[in-house]
Full PDB file with SEQRES, HELIX, SHEET, SSBOND, CRYST1, ORIGX, SCALE, CONECT and MASTER records, all heavy atoms in Angstrom:
SEQRES   1 A   32  GLY LYS ARG SER ALA GLU THR GLY ARG MET THR TRP THR          
SEQRES   2 A   32  LEU ILE ARG LEU GLU LEU ALA ARG SER ARG GLU PHE PRO          
SEQRES   3 A   32  GLU GLY SER PRO ALA HIS                                      
HELIX    1 AA1 ALA A    5  THR A    7  5                                   3    
CRYST1    1.000    1.000    1.000  90.00  90.00  90.00 P 1           1          
ORIGX1      1.000000  0.000000  0.000000        0.00000                         
ORIGX2      0.000000  1.000000  0.000000        0.00000                         
ORIGX3      0.000000  0.000000  1.000000        0.00000                         
SCALE1      1.000000  0.000000  0.000000        0.00000                         
SCALE2      0.000000  1.000000  0.000000        0.00000                         
SCALE3      0.000000  0.000000  1.000000        0.00000                         
ATOM      1  N   GLY A   1      -8.525 -14.888  -4.732  1.00  0.00           N  
ATOM      2  CA  GLY A   1      -8.556 -16.308  -5.040  1.00  0.00           C  
ATOM      3  C   GLY A   1      -9.793 -16.730  -5.821  1.00  0.00           C  
ATOM      4  O   GLY A   1      -9.805 -17.765  -6.466  1.00  0.00           O  
ATOM      5  N   LYS A   2     -10.849 -15.937  -5.777  1.00  0.00           N  
ATOM      6  CA  LYS A   2     -12.103 -16.268  -6.469  1.00  0.00           C  
ATOM      7  C   LYS A   2     -12.115 -15.782  -7.905  1.00  0.00           C  
ATOM      8  O   LYS A   2     -12.988 -16.125  -8.668  1.00  0.00           O  
ATOM      9  CB  LYS A   2     -13.307 -15.654  -5.736  1.00  0.00           C  
ATOM     10  CG  LYS A   2     -13.506 -16.178  -4.357  1.00  0.00           C  
ATOM     11  CD  LYS A   2     -14.173 -17.515  -4.410  1.00  0.00           C  
ATOM     12  CE  LYS A   2     -14.480 -17.977  -2.999  1.00  0.00           C  
ATOM     13  NZ  LYS A   2     -15.005 -19.298  -2.943  1.00  0.00           N  
ATOM     14  N   ARG A   3     -11.161 -14.935  -8.270  1.00  0.00           N  
ATOM     15  CA  ARG A   3     -11.118 -14.423  -9.638  1.00  0.00           C  
ATOM     16  C   ARG A   3     -10.384 -15.408 -10.515  1.00  0.00           C  
ATOM     17  O   ARG A   3      -9.399 -16.009 -10.120  1.00  0.00           O  
ATOM     18  CB  ARG A   3     -10.425 -13.070  -9.679  1.00  0.00           C  
ATOM     19  CG  ARG A   3     -11.303 -11.999  -9.069  1.00  0.00           C  
ATOM     20  CD  ARG A   3     -10.670 -10.672  -9.198  1.00  0.00           C  
ATOM     21  NE  ARG A   3      -9.629 -10.585  -8.192  1.00  0.00           N  
ATOM     22  CZ  ARG A   3      -8.542  -9.856  -8.318  1.00  0.00           C  
ATOM     23  NH1 ARG A   3      -8.336  -9.153  -9.375  1.00  0.00           N  
ATOM     24  NH2 ARG A   3      -7.648  -9.821  -7.366  1.00  0.00           N  
ATOM     25  N   SER A   4     -10.833 -15.525 -11.717  1.00  0.00           N  
ATOM     26  CA  SER A   4     -10.215 -16.477 -12.636  1.00  0.00           C  
ATOM     27  C   SER A   4      -9.368 -15.745 -13.656  1.00  0.00           C  
ATOM     28  O   SER A   4      -9.871 -14.943 -14.426  1.00  0.00           O  
ATOM     29  CB  SER A   4     -11.302 -17.283 -13.340  1.00  0.00           C  
ATOM     30  OG  SER A   4     -10.722 -18.060 -14.351  1.00  0.00           O  
ATOM     31  N   ALA A   5      -8.093 -16.039 -13.674  1.00  0.00           N  
ATOM     32  CA  ALA A   5      -7.213 -15.449 -14.685  1.00  0.00           C  
ATOM     33  C   ALA A   5      -7.503 -16.048 -16.051  1.00  0.00           C  
ATOM     34  O   ALA A   5      -7.132 -15.502 -17.073  1.00  0.00           O  
ATOM     35  CB  ALA A   5      -5.758 -15.682 -14.306  1.00  0.00           C  
ATOM     36  N   GLU A   6      -8.203 -17.181 -16.065  1.00  0.00           N  
ATOM     37  CA  GLU A   6      -8.488 -17.838 -17.330  1.00  0.00           C  
ATOM     38  C   GLU A   6      -9.539 -17.117 -18.160  1.00  0.00           C  
ATOM     39  O   GLU A   6      -9.745 -17.458 -19.315  1.00  0.00           O  
ATOM     40  CB  GLU A   6      -8.952 -19.286 -17.098  1.00  0.00           C  
ATOM     41  CG  GLU A   6      -7.837 -20.202 -16.646  1.00  0.00           C  
ATOM     42  CD  GLU A   6      -7.676 -20.180 -15.139  1.00  0.00           C  
ATOM     43  OE1 GLU A   6      -8.683 -20.126 -14.412  1.00  0.00           O  
ATOM     44  OE2 GLU A   6      -6.534 -20.211 -14.686  1.00  0.00           O  
ATOM     45  N   THR A   7     -10.266 -16.151 -17.575  1.00  0.00           N  
ATOM     46  CA  THR A   7     -11.292 -15.472 -18.361  1.00  0.00           C  
ATOM     47  C   THR A   7     -10.660 -14.783 -19.558  1.00  0.00           C  
ATOM     48  O   THR A   7     -11.276 -14.701 -20.613  1.00  0.00           O  
ATOM     49  CB  THR A   7     -12.057 -14.429 -17.530  1.00  0.00           C  
ATOM     50  OG1 THR A   7     -11.151 -13.430 -17.086  1.00  0.00           O  
ATOM     51  CG2 THR A   7     -12.782 -15.072 -16.366  1.00  0.00           C  
ATOM     52  N   GLY A   8      -9.433 -14.288 -19.392  1.00  0.00           N  
ATOM     53  CA  GLY A   8      -8.731 -13.666 -20.496  1.00  0.00           C  
ATOM     54  C   GLY A   8      -9.331 -12.342 -20.933  1.00  0.00           C  
ATOM     55  O   GLY A   8      -8.822 -11.718 -21.838  1.00  0.00           O  
ATOM     56  N   ARG A   9     -10.401 -11.931 -20.326  1.00  0.00           N  
ATOM     57  CA  ARG A   9     -11.047 -10.686 -20.714  1.00  0.00           C  
ATOM     58  C   ARG A   9     -10.402  -9.520 -19.977  1.00  0.00           C  
ATOM     59  O   ARG A   9     -10.223  -9.561 -18.776  1.00  0.00           O  
ATOM     60  CB  ARG A   9     -12.537 -10.730 -20.369  1.00  0.00           C  
ATOM     61  CG  ARG A   9     -13.303 -11.630 -21.281  1.00  0.00           C  
ATOM     62  CD  ARG A   9     -14.789 -11.595 -21.034  1.00  0.00           C  
ATOM     63  NE  ARG A   9     -15.263 -10.339 -20.504  1.00  0.00           N  
ATOM     64  CZ  ARG A   9     -16.336 -10.204 -19.756  1.00  0.00           C  
ATOM     65  NH1 ARG A   9     -17.055 -11.254 -19.443  1.00  0.00           N  
ATOM     66  NH2 ARG A   9     -16.714  -9.024 -19.319  1.00  0.00           N  
ATOM     67  N   MET A  10     -10.065  -8.512 -20.721  1.00  0.00           N  
ATOM     68  CA  MET A  10      -9.541  -7.281 -20.149  1.00  0.00           C  
ATOM     69  C   MET A  10     -10.013  -6.167 -21.054  1.00  0.00           C  
ATOM     70  O   MET A  10      -9.942  -6.281 -22.276  1.00  0.00           O  
ATOM     71  CB  MET A  10      -8.016  -7.321 -20.075  1.00  0.00           C  
ATOM     72  CG  MET A  10      -7.392  -6.133 -19.370  1.00  0.00           C  
ATOM     73  SD  MET A  10      -7.223  -4.614 -20.336  1.00  0.00           S  
ATOM     74  CE  MET A  10      -6.235  -5.141 -21.694  1.00  0.00           C  
ATOM     75  N   THR A  11     -10.530  -5.119 -20.441  1.00  0.00           N  
ATOM     76  CA  THR A  11     -11.038  -3.990 -21.203  1.00  0.00           C  
ATOM     77  C   THR A  11     -10.550  -2.698 -20.574  1.00  0.00           C  
ATOM     78  O   THR A  11     -10.726  -2.493 -19.370  1.00  0.00           O  
ATOM     79  CB  THR A  11     -12.594  -3.984 -21.197  1.00  0.00           C  
ATOM     80  OG1 THR A  11     -13.062  -5.238 -21.675  1.00  0.00           O  
ATOM     81  CG2 THR A  11     -13.140  -2.872 -22.060  1.00  0.00           C  
ATOM     82  N   TRP A  12      -9.944  -1.847 -21.383  1.00  0.00           N  
ATOM     83  CA  TRP A  12      -9.620  -0.510 -20.900  1.00  0.00           C  
ATOM     84  C   TRP A  12     -10.940   0.248 -20.797  1.00  0.00           C  
ATOM     85  O   TRP A  12     -11.760   0.224 -21.718  1.00  0.00           O  
ATOM     86  CB  TRP A  12      -8.650   0.187 -21.845  1.00  0.00           C  
ATOM     87  CG  TRP A  12      -7.259  -0.332 -21.665  1.00  0.00           C  
ATOM     88  CD1 TRP A  12      -6.689  -1.379 -22.310  1.00  0.00           C  
ATOM     89  CD2 TRP A  12      -6.287   0.147 -20.742  1.00  0.00           C  
ATOM     90  NE1 TRP A  12      -5.413  -1.580 -21.856  1.00  0.00           N  
ATOM     91  CE2 TRP A  12      -5.137  -0.650 -20.891  1.00  0.00           C  
ATOM     92  CE3 TRP A  12      -6.269   1.177 -19.797  1.00  0.00           C  
ATOM     93  CZ2 TRP A  12      -3.989  -0.453 -20.134  1.00  0.00           C  
ATOM     94  CZ3 TRP A  12      -5.122   1.381 -19.057  1.00  0.00           C  
ATOM     95  CH2 TRP A  12      -3.993   0.558 -19.224  1.00  0.00           C  
ATOM     96  N   THR A  13     -11.136   0.904 -19.659  1.00  0.00           N  
ATOM     97  CA  THR A  13     -12.415   1.521 -19.347  1.00  0.00           C  
ATOM     98  C   THR A  13     -12.193   2.933 -18.831  1.00  0.00           C  
ATOM     99  O   THR A  13     -11.262   3.182 -18.062  1.00  0.00           O  
ATOM    100  CB  THR A  13     -13.157   0.682 -18.278  1.00  0.00           C  
ATOM    101  OG1 THR A  13     -13.267  -0.660 -18.757  1.00  0.00           O  
ATOM    102  CG2 THR A  13     -14.530   1.233 -17.979  1.00  0.00           C  
ATOM    103  N   LEU A  14     -13.064   3.850 -19.256  1.00  0.00           N  
ATOM    104  CA  LEU A  14     -13.058   5.214 -18.743  1.00  0.00           C  
ATOM    105  C   LEU A  14     -14.093   5.288 -17.633  1.00  0.00           C  
ATOM    106  O   LEU A  14     -15.256   4.938 -17.844  1.00  0.00           O  
ATOM    107  CB  LEU A  14     -13.392   6.218 -19.850  1.00  0.00           C  
ATOM    108  CG  LEU A  14     -13.356   7.684 -19.438  1.00  0.00           C  
ATOM    109  CD1 LEU A  14     -11.947   8.097 -19.008  1.00  0.00           C  
ATOM    110  CD2 LEU A  14     -13.837   8.559 -20.581  1.00  0.00           C  
ATOM    111  N   ILE A  15     -13.652   5.709 -16.458  1.00  0.00           N  
ATOM    112  CA  ILE A  15     -14.514   5.769 -15.274  1.00  0.00           C  
ATOM    113  C   ILE A  15     -14.518   7.190 -14.728  1.00  0.00           C  
ATOM    114  O   ILE A  15     -13.469   7.829 -14.635  1.00  0.00           O  
ATOM    115  CB  ILE A  15     -13.994   4.792 -14.196  1.00  0.00           C  
ATOM    116  CG1 ILE A  15     -14.140   3.363 -14.714  1.00  0.00           C  
ATOM    117  CG2 ILE A  15     -14.718   4.995 -12.876  1.00  0.00           C  
ATOM    118  CD1 ILE A  15     -13.573   2.320 -13.813  1.00  0.00           C  
ATOM    119  N   ARG A  16     -15.713   7.664 -14.388  1.00  0.00           N  
ATOM    120  CA  ARG A  16     -15.848   8.958 -13.722  1.00  0.00           C  
ATOM    121  C   ARG A  16     -16.221   8.703 -12.266  1.00  0.00           C  
ATOM    122  O   ARG A  16     -17.176   7.980 -11.984  1.00  0.00           O  
ATOM    123  CB  ARG A  16     -16.904   9.833 -14.377  1.00  0.00           C  
ATOM    124  CG  ARG A  16     -17.021  11.198 -13.696  1.00  0.00           C  
ATOM    125  CD  ARG A  16     -18.014  12.118 -14.404  1.00  0.00           C  
ATOM    126  NE  ARG A  16     -18.202  13.344 -13.672  1.00  0.00           N  
ATOM    127  CZ  ARG A  16     -17.491  14.454 -13.839  1.00  0.00           C  
ATOM    128  NH1 ARG A  16     -16.543  14.489 -14.758  1.00  0.00           N  
ATOM    129  NH2 ARG A  16     -17.729  15.522 -13.106  1.00  0.00           N  
ATOM    130  N   LEU A  17     -15.432   9.279 -11.367  1.00  0.00           N  
ATOM    131  CA  LEU A  17     -15.668   9.209  -9.932  1.00  0.00           C  
ATOM    132  C   LEU A  17     -16.082  10.598  -9.460  1.00  0.00           C  
ATOM    133  O   LEU A  17     -15.383  11.576  -9.738  1.00  0.00           O  
ATOM    134  CB  LEU A  17     -14.393   8.801  -9.197  1.00  0.00           C  
ATOM    135  CG  LEU A  17     -13.722   7.499  -9.620  1.00  0.00           C  
ATOM    136  CD1 LEU A  17     -12.327   7.408  -9.022  1.00  0.00           C  
ATOM    137  CD2 LEU A  17     -14.564   6.334  -9.163  1.00  0.00           C  
ATOM    138  N   GLU A  18     -17.207  10.689  -8.746  1.00  0.00           N  
ATOM    139  CA  GLU A  18     -17.666  11.968  -8.200  1.00  0.00           C  
ATOM    140  C   GLU A  18     -17.738  11.858  -6.681  1.00  0.00           C  
ATOM    141  O   GLU A  18     -18.119  10.805  -6.149  1.00  0.00           O  
ATOM    142  CB  GLU A  18     -19.032  12.341  -8.763  1.00  0.00           C  
ATOM    143  CG  GLU A  18     -18.992  12.600 -10.253  1.00  0.00           C  
ATOM    144  CD  GLU A  18     -20.346  12.981 -10.835  1.00  0.00           C  
ATOM    145  OE1 GLU A  18     -21.357  13.016 -10.096  1.00  0.00           O  
ATOM    146  OE2 GLU A  18     -20.382  13.246 -12.057  1.00  0.00           O  
ATOM    147  N   LEU A  19     -17.393  12.953  -6.019  1.00  0.00           N  
ATOM    148  CA  LEU A  19     -17.395  12.974  -4.558  1.00  0.00           C  
ATOM    149  C   LEU A  19     -18.763  12.551  -4.035  1.00  0.00           C  
ATOM    150  O   LEU A  19     -19.793  13.095  -4.437  1.00  0.00           O  
ATOM    151  CB  LEU A  19     -17.035  14.372  -4.048  1.00  0.00           C  
ATOM    152  CG  LEU A  19     -16.827  14.502  -2.544  1.00  0.00           C  
ATOM    153  CD1 LEU A  19     -15.649  13.650  -2.077  1.00  0.00           C  
ATOM    154  CD2 LEU A  19     -16.597  15.967  -2.170  1.00  0.00           C  
ATOM    155  N   ALA A  20     -18.768  11.555  -3.160  1.00  0.00           N  
ATOM    156  CA  ALA A  20     -20.003  11.037  -2.582  1.00  0.00           C  
ATOM    157  C   ALA A  20     -20.458  11.942  -1.430  1.00  0.00           C  
ATOM    158  O   ALA A  20     -19.751  12.872  -1.023  1.00  0.00           O  
ATOM    159  CB  ALA A  20     -19.781   9.606  -2.089  1.00  0.00           C  
ATOM    160  N   ARG A  21     -21.627  11.637  -0.906  1.00  0.00           N  
ATOM    161  CA  ARG A  21     -22.155  12.413   0.213  1.00  0.00           C  
ATOM    162  C   ARG A  21     -21.194  12.386   1.385  1.00  0.00           C  
ATOM    163  O   ARG A  21     -20.575  11.362   1.680  1.00  0.00           O  
ATOM    164  CB  ARG A  21     -23.504  11.850   0.656  1.00  0.00           C  
ATOM    165  CG  ARG A  21     -24.565  12.013  -0.388  1.00  0.00           C  
ATOM    166  CD  ARG A  21     -25.883  11.531   0.120  1.00  0.00           C  
ATOM    167  NE  ARG A  21     -25.809  10.090   0.357  1.00  0.00           N  
ATOM    168  CZ  ARG A  21     -26.814   9.358   0.765  1.00  0.00           C  
ATOM    169  NH1 ARG A  21     -27.980   9.911   1.009  1.00  0.00           N  
ATOM    170  NH2 ARG A  21     -26.667   8.061   0.950  1.00  0.00           N  
ATOM    171  N   SER A  22     -21.096  13.529   2.052  1.00  0.00           N  
ATOM    172  CA  SER A  22     -20.238  13.658   3.229  1.00  0.00           C  
ATOM    173  C   SER A  22     -20.793  14.806   4.076  1.00  0.00           C  
ATOM    174  O   SER A  22     -21.743  15.479   3.678  1.00  0.00           O  
ATOM    175  CB  SER A  22     -18.791  13.962   2.806  1.00  0.00           C  
ATOM    176  OG  SER A  22     -18.709  15.234   2.189  1.00  0.00           O  
ATOM    177  N   ARG A  23     -20.187  15.038   5.225  1.00  0.00           N  
ATOM    178  CA  ARG A  23     -20.602  16.193   6.049  1.00  0.00           C  
ATOM    179  C   ARG A  23     -20.446  17.495   5.283  1.00  0.00           C  
ATOM    180  O   ARG A  23     -21.304  18.359   5.328  1.00  0.00           O  
ATOM    181  CB  ARG A  23     -19.758  16.254   7.318  1.00  0.00           C  
ATOM    182  CG  ARG A  23     -20.464  15.680   8.503  1.00  0.00           C  
ATOM    183  CD  ARG A  23     -19.683  15.920   9.766  1.00  0.00           C  
ATOM    184  NE  ARG A  23     -19.599  14.618  10.398  1.00  0.00           N  
ATOM    185  CZ  ARG A  23     -18.613  14.189  11.107  1.00  0.00           C  
ATOM    186  NH1 ARG A  23     -17.576  14.956  11.324  1.00  0.00           N  
ATOM    187  NH2 ARG A  23     -18.630  12.990  11.627  1.00  0.00           N  
ATOM    188  N   GLU A  24     -19.318  17.616   4.584  1.00  0.00           N  
ATOM    189  CA  GLU A  24     -19.057  18.844   3.824  1.00  0.00           C  
ATOM    190  C   GLU A  24     -19.994  19.005   2.637  1.00  0.00           C  
ATOM    191  O   GLU A  24     -20.353  20.114   2.262  1.00  0.00           O  
ATOM    192  CB  GLU A  24     -17.620  18.841   3.291  1.00  0.00           C  
ATOM    193  CG  GLU A  24     -16.553  18.862   4.355  1.00  0.00           C  
ATOM    194  CD  GLU A  24     -15.193  18.616   3.735  1.00  0.00           C  
ATOM    195  OE1 GLU A  24     -14.903  17.444   3.417  1.00  0.00           O  
ATOM    196  OE2 GLU A  24     -14.446  19.602   3.561  1.00  0.00           O  
ATOM    197  N   PHE A  25     -20.367  17.873   2.030  1.00  0.00           N  
ATOM    198  CA  PHE A  25     -21.206  17.871   0.822  1.00  0.00           C  
ATOM    199  C   PHE A  25     -22.333  16.854   0.996  1.00  0.00           C  
ATOM    200  O   PHE A  25     -22.228  15.720   0.516  1.00  0.00           O  
ATOM    201  CB  PHE A  25     -20.359  17.534  -0.418  1.00  0.00           C  
ATOM    202  CG  PHE A  25     -19.302  18.553  -0.713  1.00  0.00           C  
ATOM    203  CD1 PHE A  25     -18.009  18.384  -0.233  1.00  0.00           C  
ATOM    204  CD2 PHE A  25     -19.602  19.685  -1.447  1.00  0.00           C  
ATOM    205  CE1 PHE A  25     -17.030  19.323  -0.486  1.00  0.00           C  
ATOM    206  CE2 PHE A  25     -18.624  20.633  -1.715  1.00  0.00           C  
ATOM    207  CZ  PHE A  25     -17.341  20.456  -1.234  1.00  0.00           C  
ATOM    208  N   PRO A  26     -23.421  17.244   1.679  1.00  0.00           N  
ATOM    209  CA  PRO A  26     -24.510  16.299   1.965  1.00  0.00           C  
ATOM    210  C   PRO A  26     -25.143  15.681   0.719  1.00  0.00           C  
ATOM    211  O   PRO A  26     -25.695  14.582   0.793  1.00  0.00           O  
ATOM    212  CB  PRO A  26     -25.538  17.140   2.723  1.00  0.00           C  
ATOM    213  CG  PRO A  26     -24.808  18.347   3.196  1.00  0.00           C  
ATOM    214  CD  PRO A  26     -23.643  18.545   2.281  1.00  0.00           C  
ATOM    215  N   GLU A  27     -25.051  16.342  -0.416  1.00  0.00           N  
ATOM    216  CA  GLU A  27     -25.593  15.802  -1.669  1.00  0.00           C  
ATOM    217  C   GLU A  27     -24.493  15.258  -2.579  1.00  0.00           C  
ATOM    218  O   GLU A  27     -24.753  14.911  -3.727  1.00  0.00           O  
ATOM    219  CB  GLU A  27     -26.381  16.889  -2.416  1.00  0.00           C  
ATOM    220  CG  GLU A  27     -27.545  17.451  -1.629  1.00  0.00           C  
ATOM    221  CD  GLU A  27     -28.548  16.374  -1.235  1.00  0.00           C  
ATOM    222  OE1 GLU A  27     -28.880  15.532  -2.094  1.00  0.00           O  
ATOM    223  OE2 GLU A  27     -28.983  16.368  -0.076  1.00  0.00           O  
ATOM    224  N   GLY A  28     -23.274  15.224  -2.082  1.00  0.00           N  
ATOM    225  CA  GLY A  28     -22.142  14.859  -2.922  1.00  0.00           C  
ATOM    226  C   GLY A  28     -21.740  16.062  -3.763  1.00  0.00           C  
ATOM    227  O   GLY A  28     -22.278  17.159  -3.598  1.00  0.00           O  
ATOM    228  N   SER A  29     -20.783  15.892  -4.648  1.00  0.00           N  
ATOM    229  CA  SER A  29     -20.331  16.999  -5.481  1.00  0.00           C  
ATOM    230  C   SER A  29     -19.780  16.505  -6.810  1.00  0.00           C  
ATOM    231  O   SER A  29     -18.661  15.996  -6.870  1.00  0.00           O  
ATOM    232  CB  SER A  29     -19.253  17.817  -4.769  1.00  0.00           C  
ATOM    233  OG  SER A  29     -18.747  18.824  -5.622  1.00  0.00           O  
ATOM    234  N   PRO A  30     -20.564  16.671  -7.900  1.00  0.00           N  
ATOM    235  CA  PRO A  30     -20.029  16.301  -9.210  1.00  0.00           C  
ATOM    236  C   PRO A  30     -18.891  17.213  -9.662  1.00  0.00           C  
ATOM    237  O   PRO A  30     -18.147  16.868 -10.574  1.00  0.00           O  
ATOM    238  CB  PRO A  30     -21.231  16.412 -10.144  1.00  0.00           C  
ATOM    239  CG  PRO A  30     -22.291  17.114  -9.401  1.00  0.00           C  
ATOM    240  CD  PRO A  30     -21.945  17.073  -7.943  1.00  0.00           C  
ATOM    241  N   ALA A  31     -18.730  18.369  -9.014  1.00  0.00           N  
ATOM    242  CA  ALA A  31     -17.639  19.288  -9.360  1.00  0.00           C  
ATOM    243  C   ALA A  31     -16.291  18.782  -8.839  1.00  0.00           C  
ATOM    244  O   ALA A  31     -15.248  19.216  -9.311  1.00  0.00           O  
ATOM    245  CB  ALA A  31     -17.926  20.677  -8.805  1.00  0.00           C  
ATOM    246  N   HIS A  32     -16.312  17.870  -7.865  1.00  0.00           N  
ATOM    247  CA  HIS A  32     -15.095  17.241  -7.337  1.00  0.00           C  
ATOM    248  C   HIS A  32     -15.056  15.837  -7.935  1.00  0.00           C  
ATOM    249  O   HIS A  32     -15.808  14.955  -7.504  1.00  0.00           O  
ATOM    250  CB  HIS A  32     -15.136  17.150  -5.812  1.00  0.00           C  
ATOM    251  CG  HIS A  32     -15.121  18.482  -5.137  1.00  0.00           C  
ATOM    252  ND1 HIS A  32     -16.252  19.237  -4.952  1.00  0.00           N  
ATOM    253  CD2 HIS A  32     -14.097  19.187  -4.607  1.00  0.00           C  
ATOM    254  CE1 HIS A  32     -15.929  20.353  -4.329  1.00  0.00           C  
ATOM    255  NE2 HIS A  32     -14.629  20.353  -4.109  1.00  0.00           N  
TER     256      HIS A  32                                                      
MASTER        0    0    0    1    0    0    0    6  255    1    0    3          
END                                                                             
């Protein structure tokens, strides 16, 4: 409800997600 559809701005974006810290990977893992 707080977002405004009137902004009219839309951008296709390339996003990289890397595995965050976890028990298995205490430092995270850019390979995942």
